[in-house]
Protein backbone atom coordinates (compact mmCIF):
# COMPACT_ATOMS: atom_id res chain seq x y z
CA MET A 1 78.21 20.69 60.30
CA ALA A 2 74.81 20.07 58.83
CA GLU A 3 74.00 20.93 55.21
CA GLY A 4 71.70 23.69 54.51
CA PRO A 5 68.13 22.96 53.19
CA ASP A 6 68.96 24.12 49.71
CA SER A 7 72.02 21.87 49.38
CA SER A 8 70.11 18.87 47.96
CA SER A 9 67.87 20.80 45.60
CA PRO A 10 70.21 20.33 42.52
CA SER A 11 70.26 16.52 42.96
CA LEU A 12 66.43 16.39 43.46
CA ALA A 13 66.06 18.64 40.26
CA MET A 14 68.28 16.28 38.37
CA ILE A 15 66.48 13.12 39.41
CA SER A 16 63.20 14.75 38.68
CA SER A 17 64.22 15.86 35.20
CA SER A 18 65.60 12.53 34.29
CA ARG A 19 62.40 10.63 34.89
CA PRO A 20 60.46 10.08 31.54
CA VAL A 21 57.10 11.59 31.22
CA PRO A 22 54.48 8.88 31.42
CA VAL A 23 52.73 8.29 28.05
CA ARG A 24 49.30 6.66 27.76
CA GLU A 25 49.58 3.50 25.73
CA ASP A 26 46.17 4.29 23.98
CA CYS A 27 47.12 7.80 22.94
CA TRP A 28 46.08 8.06 19.30
CA SER A 29 47.71 10.31 16.68
CA GLU A 30 45.67 12.34 14.29
CA ASP A 31 46.62 10.27 11.21
CA ALA A 32 45.80 6.95 13.05
CA THR A 33 42.42 8.40 14.16
CA PHE A 34 41.65 9.46 10.54
CA THR A 35 42.52 5.93 9.42
CA LEU A 36 40.32 4.54 12.16
CA ILE A 37 37.42 6.68 11.14
CA GLU A 38 37.83 5.58 7.57
CA ALA A 39 38.02 1.92 8.21
CA TRP A 40 35.13 1.97 10.68
CA GLY A 41 32.95 4.28 8.54
CA GLN A 42 33.33 1.97 5.57
CA ARG A 43 31.90 -1.08 7.50
CA TYR A 44 29.36 1.04 9.21
CA ILE A 45 27.91 2.10 5.81
CA GLU A 46 28.02 -1.47 4.57
CA LEU A 47 26.00 -2.49 7.48
CA ASN A 48 23.32 0.13 6.78
CA ARG A 49 24.73 2.13 9.76
CA GLY A 50 24.51 -0.92 12.07
CA ASN A 51 26.80 -1.78 14.81
CA LEU A 52 30.08 -3.71 13.92
CA ARG A 53 30.69 -7.19 15.40
CA GLN A 54 34.01 -8.40 16.98
CA LYS A 55 35.34 -9.75 13.65
CA GLN A 56 34.75 -6.38 11.89
CA TRP A 57 36.38 -4.45 14.74
CA GLN A 58 39.40 -6.69 14.32
CA GLU A 59 39.44 -5.91 10.59
CA VAL A 60 39.35 -2.15 11.57
CA ALA A 61 42.27 -2.79 13.95
CA ASP A 62 44.23 -4.63 11.41
CA THR A 63 43.87 -1.68 9.10
CA VAL A 64 45.02 0.83 11.62
CA ASN A 65 47.99 -1.35 12.43
CA ASN A 66 49.09 -2.03 8.89
CA ARG A 67 49.28 1.82 8.35
CA HIS A 68 50.59 2.99 11.72
CA GLY A 69 51.54 0.04 13.94
CA HIS A 70 55.17 -0.10 12.94
CA VAL A 71 56.19 -0.03 16.68
CA LYS A 72 54.74 -2.16 19.33
CA LYS A 73 53.23 0.80 21.39
CA ALA A 74 51.34 2.04 18.36
CA ARG A 75 49.47 -1.22 17.65
CA ARG A 76 45.82 -1.17 18.60
CA THR A 77 43.37 -4.01 19.45
CA ASP A 78 39.87 -4.25 18.41
CA VAL A 79 38.65 -3.08 21.88
CA GLN A 80 40.94 -0.08 21.76
CA CYS A 81 39.46 0.79 18.28
CA LYS A 82 35.90 0.37 19.45
CA ASN A 83 36.58 2.51 22.55
CA ARG A 84 38.24 5.29 20.44
CA ILE A 85 35.19 5.39 18.22
CA ASP A 86 32.81 5.74 21.31
CA THR A 87 34.87 8.66 22.51
CA LEU A 88 34.87 10.27 19.14
CA LYS A 89 31.16 9.90 18.89
CA LYS A 90 30.69 11.71 22.32
CA LYS A 91 32.93 14.41 21.30
CA TYR A 92 31.08 14.85 17.99
CA LYS A 93 27.69 15.04 19.76
CA ILE A 94 28.99 18.00 21.90
CA GLU A 95 30.46 19.72 18.79
CA LYS A 96 27.28 19.19 16.87
CA ALA A 97 25.14 20.66 19.61
CA ARG A 98 27.35 23.73 19.71
CA VAL A 99 26.94 24.15 15.92
CA LEU A 100 23.17 23.82 15.96
CA ASP A 101 22.75 26.16 19.06
CA SER A 102 24.74 28.84 17.34
CA ASN A 103 22.33 28.88 14.32
CA GLY A 104 25.34 28.55 12.00
CA GLU A 105 27.47 31.12 13.66
CA TYR A 106 29.86 28.55 15.12
CA LYS A 107 31.98 26.30 12.95
CA SER A 108 33.75 23.50 14.67
CA SER A 109 37.55 23.42 14.28
CA TRP A 110 37.78 19.92 15.56
CA PRO A 111 39.47 18.01 12.75
CA PHE A 112 37.43 14.87 13.00
CA PHE A 113 34.05 16.90 12.84
CA ASP A 114 33.48 16.73 9.16
CA PRO A 115 34.21 13.01 8.46
CA LEU A 116 31.93 12.05 11.50
CA ASP A 117 29.21 14.52 10.38
CA GLN A 118 29.11 12.71 7.05
CA LEU A 119 28.78 9.37 8.65
CA ILE A 120 26.48 9.93 11.65
CA GLY A 121 25.30 13.36 11.34
CA SER A 122 21.82 12.30 10.34
CA THR A 123 21.62 9.48 12.93
CA MET A 124 23.04 10.96 16.06
CA PRO A 125 20.13 11.89 18.43
CA LEU A 126 20.32 15.59 19.43
CA LYS A 127 18.06 17.66 21.52
CA LYS A 128 17.35 20.44 19.05
CA ILE A 129 14.13 22.12 18.47
CA SER A 130 13.43 22.57 14.70
CA SER A 131 12.65 26.14 13.74
CA PRO A 132 9.11 26.64 12.72
CA SER A 133 8.19 27.04 9.11
CA PRO A 134 7.87 30.66 7.90
CA PRO A 135 4.38 32.17 8.40
CA MET A 136 3.92 32.51 4.59
CA ALA A 137 4.36 28.83 4.00
CA VAL A 138 1.14 28.07 5.95
CA PRO A 139 -1.22 29.52 3.52
CA VAL A 140 0.71 28.11 0.56
CA ILE A 141 0.39 24.58 2.04
CA GLU A 142 -3.29 25.06 2.83
CA LYS A 143 -3.96 26.37 -0.81
CA PHE A 144 -2.14 23.41 -2.23
CA GLY A 145 -4.33 21.10 -0.09
CA GLU A 146 -7.40 22.75 -1.40
CA VAL A 147 -6.38 22.37 -4.93
CA TYR A 148 -5.41 18.73 -4.46
CA ALA A 149 -8.75 18.04 -2.86
CA LYS A 150 -10.64 19.58 -5.71
CA VAL A 151 -8.63 17.58 -8.23
CA GLU A 152 -9.29 14.36 -6.54
CA ALA A 153 -12.94 15.17 -6.06
CA GLU A 154 -13.17 15.90 -9.86
CA LYS A 155 -11.51 12.73 -10.82
CA GLN A 156 -13.91 10.79 -8.58
CA ARG A 157 -16.87 12.49 -9.95
CA GLN A 158 -15.74 11.65 -13.61
CA MET A 159 -15.16 7.98 -12.57
CA VAL A 160 -18.66 7.91 -11.34
CA GLU A 161 -20.11 9.47 -14.41
CA LEU A 162 -18.36 7.10 -16.75
CA GLU A 163 -19.59 4.09 -14.73
CA LYS A 164 -23.09 5.53 -15.05
CA GLN A 165 -22.77 5.83 -18.80
CA ARG A 166 -21.17 2.28 -19.08
CA MET A 167 -24.22 0.85 -17.20
CA GLN A 168 -26.80 2.77 -19.19
CA PHE A 169 -25.23 1.57 -22.51
CA ALA A 170 -25.12 -2.07 -21.26
CA LYS A 171 -28.79 -1.69 -20.27
CA GLU A 172 -29.80 -0.29 -23.74
CA MET A 173 -27.94 -3.00 -25.49
CA GLU A 174 -29.62 -5.71 -23.46
CA CYS A 175 -33.04 -4.03 -24.24
CA GLN A 176 -32.35 -4.04 -27.85
CA ARG A 177 -31.30 -7.68 -27.85
CA MET A 178 -34.26 -8.83 -25.94
CA GLN A 179 -36.54 -6.83 -28.31
CA MET A 180 -34.85 -8.43 -31.38
CA LEU A 181 -35.30 -11.89 -29.69
CA VAL A 182 -39.01 -11.17 -29.31
CA GLU A 183 -39.43 -10.01 -32.75
CA MET A 184 -37.64 -13.12 -34.04
CA GLN A 185 -40.08 -15.29 -32.08
CA VAL A 186 -42.97 -13.48 -33.58
CA GLN A 187 -41.47 -14.04 -37.06
CA LEU A 188 -41.04 -17.65 -36.30
CA GLU A 189 -44.79 -17.88 -35.31
CA LYS A 190 -45.78 -16.09 -38.46
CA VAL A 191 -43.83 -18.63 -40.39
CA LYS A 192 -45.35 -21.65 -38.45
CA ARG A 193 -48.94 -20.15 -39.09
CA ALA A 194 -48.15 -19.44 -42.80
CA LYS A 195 -46.83 -22.97 -43.22
CA ARG A 196 -49.95 -24.52 -41.96
CA SER A 197 -52.28 -22.19 -43.92
CA ASP A 198 -50.57 -22.07 -47.30
CA SER A 199 -51.09 -25.16 -49.32
CA ASN A 200 -48.80 -24.39 -52.27
CA GLY A 201 -45.86 -23.13 -50.09
CA GLU A 202 -45.52 -19.75 -51.82
CA ILE A 203 -46.48 -17.71 -48.62
CA THR A 204 -44.15 -19.99 -46.66
CA LEU A 205 -41.13 -19.28 -48.87
CA LEU A 206 -41.80 -15.53 -48.55
CA SER A 207 -42.01 -15.79 -44.74
CA PHE A 208 -38.69 -17.62 -44.63
CA VAL A 209 -37.12 -14.90 -46.67
CA ASN A 210 -38.45 -12.14 -44.25
CA LEU A 211 -37.16 -14.22 -41.28
CA PHE A 212 -33.69 -14.57 -42.77
CA ASP A 213 -33.59 -10.89 -43.45
CA PHE A 214 -34.37 -10.27 -39.76
CA ILE A 215 -31.69 -12.60 -38.63
CA ASP A 216 -29.23 -10.89 -40.84
CA LEU A 217 -30.25 -7.69 -39.24
CA LEU A 218 -29.82 -9.21 -35.65
CA ILE A 219 -26.28 -10.34 -36.49
CA MET A 220 -25.28 -6.94 -37.84
């Protein structure tokens, strides 16, 4: 007698339930992911937000393994760490866009959003149109620009005026110097003429005294 169609069902159910559920070997725990972000972020900042090299990725993997790699399946390679960070960046970009699109109404509950936002929030390219400045800010900015222009123009005018005064003073001093030189030449000529015309030297001495007085005046 043939068995009914349901006679084998219990056996199939037992076989099915006894099979282990497949687990991805690159499945990351929350704690391991936080450690990964911390280790990667430290080197990311040290490189001035630059890309890590293979040696640095290996250092990141070593840090993760030292804390969470107590069993073989939990140990990570440098490639797995890099792939995990790339996946986190993509997820972060989606969450960041949702936050911006909601105008602050949406707050991400993703546990890795805040640490990633501190690391790459200002560098991740996002298609977001900045809100325009308030209308009242435009006149204020224009007024500030006008005041600044006036101040700069006044400073320039004062510099030009000071330069004119300096040049005028230098010109007057040069004229006085030339005038004194001419007068000194005249006095010298007088001394020469007096020397030739005075037989007893009395007039010559007086002329020299006048010349020395003039030279003292010139030096002063």
